[in-house]
Amino acid sequence: MAERRKFKKRFCKYCELKTDFIDYKDLAQLKFSLSERFKIMPRRLTGNCKRHQELVTIAIKRARQTALIPYIVDRKNVVESPFENVR
């Protein structure tokens, strides 16, 4: 029978920093919760707790609405690092 892979336990980095509020203008902090196509990554991949994942989701949606983060990325022209164009 195949052995199960053992992954290290992921911890919420926002709980470690004791963060109460996640600012939508802080793109350096938000980019770790976005994929290369600017999709919001799930909790199981980021390791965020439920409370902070909800705050991250709200912050990303606010940043999209203020045009700091794009809603979609062109599928034909995939960029190596999508955050080069983001301020």
Protein backbone atom coordinates (compact mmCIF):
# COMPACT_ATOMS: atom_id res chain seq x y z
CA MET A 1 0.00 0.00 0.00
CA ALA A 2 1.23 3.47 -0.78
CA GLU A 3 2.58 5.58 2.02
CA ARG A 4 0.75 8.76 2.89
CA ARG A 5 2.67 11.96 2.52
CA LYS A 6 3.19 13.85 5.70
CA PHE A 7 2.94 17.58 5.28
CA LYS A 8 4.10 20.07 7.84
CA LYS A 9 1.37 21.84 9.75
CA ARG A 10 0.69 25.28 8.36
CA PHE A 11 0.16 28.09 10.81
CA CYS A 12 -1.71 31.32 10.32
CA LYS A 13 0.93 34.01 9.87
CA TYR A 14 -1.59 36.69 10.85
CA CYS A 15 -2.23 35.00 14.21
CA GLU A 16 1.51 34.82 14.84
CA LEU A 17 1.82 38.55 14.14
CA LYS A 18 -1.36 39.21 16.19
CA THR A 19 -2.94 41.15 13.32
CA ASP A 20 -6.45 42.47 13.91
CA PHE A 21 -6.92 44.30 10.62
CA ILE A 22 -5.65 43.52 7.12
CA ASP A 23 -5.27 46.65 5.00
CA TYR A 24 -6.35 46.40 1.36
CA LYS A 25 -3.64 48.88 0.32
CA ASP A 26 -0.81 46.66 1.59
CA LEU A 27 -0.26 44.60 -1.56
CA ALA A 28 2.96 43.05 -0.32
CA GLN A 29 0.98 41.29 2.39
CA LEU A 30 -1.91 40.32 0.10
CA LYS A 31 0.16 38.81 -2.70
CA PHE A 32 0.86 35.68 -0.65
CA SER A 33 -2.87 34.89 -0.70
CA LEU A 34 -3.19 35.24 -4.48
CA SER A 35 -2.29 32.76 -7.21
CA GLU A 36 -0.38 33.65 -10.38
CA ARG A 37 -3.70 34.41 -12.07
CA PHE A 38 -4.84 36.63 -9.17
CA LYS A 39 -7.29 34.10 -7.77
CA ILE A 40 -7.78 33.96 -4.02
CA MET A 41 -6.00 30.91 -2.63
CA PRO A 42 -7.91 28.64 -0.22
CA ARG A 43 -7.17 28.21 3.46
CA ARG A 44 -5.70 24.76 3.02
CA LEU A 45 -2.91 26.18 0.84
CA THR A 46 -2.20 29.43 2.70
CA GLY A 47 -2.61 28.07 6.23
CA ASN A 48 -4.75 30.99 7.35
CA CYS A 49 -7.33 30.51 10.07
CA LYS A 50 -10.99 31.06 9.24
CA ARG A 51 -11.15 34.55 10.73
CA HIS A 52 -8.08 35.86 8.94
CA GLN A 53 -9.02 34.16 5.65
CA GLU A 54 -12.29 36.10 5.70
CA LEU A 55 -10.39 39.35 6.36
CA VAL A 56 -7.96 38.58 3.53
CA THR A 57 -10.85 37.87 1.17
CA ILE A 58 -12.54 41.17 2.02
CA ALA A 59 -9.24 43.06 1.61
CA ILE A 60 -8.56 41.47 -1.80
CA LYS A 61 -12.07 42.29 -3.01
CA ARG A 62 -11.66 45.90 -1.87
CA ALA A 63 -8.28 46.13 -3.62
CA ARG A 64 -9.87 44.80 -6.81
CA GLN A 65 -12.65 47.36 -6.61
CA THR A 66 -10.15 50.22 -6.23
CA ALA A 67 -8.14 48.82 -9.19
CA LEU A 68 -5.03 47.95 -7.16
CA ILE A 69 -5.33 44.29 -8.18
CA PRO A 70 -6.82 43.17 -11.51
CA TYR A 71 -9.93 41.00 -11.59
CA ILE A 72 -8.66 38.80 -14.42
CA VAL A 73 -5.39 38.14 -16.19
CA ASP A 74 -5.09 37.69 -19.95
CA ARG A 75 -4.82 33.94 -20.58
CA LYS A 76 -2.77 34.37 -23.77
CA ASN A 77 -0.09 36.59 -22.25
CA VAL A 78 0.82 34.96 -18.94
CA VAL A 79 3.48 37.01 -17.14
CA GLU A 80 6.31 35.42 -15.15
CA SER A 81 5.75 37.64 -12.12
CA PRO A 82 2.32 39.31 -12.11
CA PHE A 83 3.21 41.63 -9.23
CA GLU A 84 5.79 43.54 -11.27
CA ASN A 85 3.00 45.66 -12.74
CA VAL A 86 1.26 46.15 -9.40
CA ARG A 87 2.55 49.05 -7.33
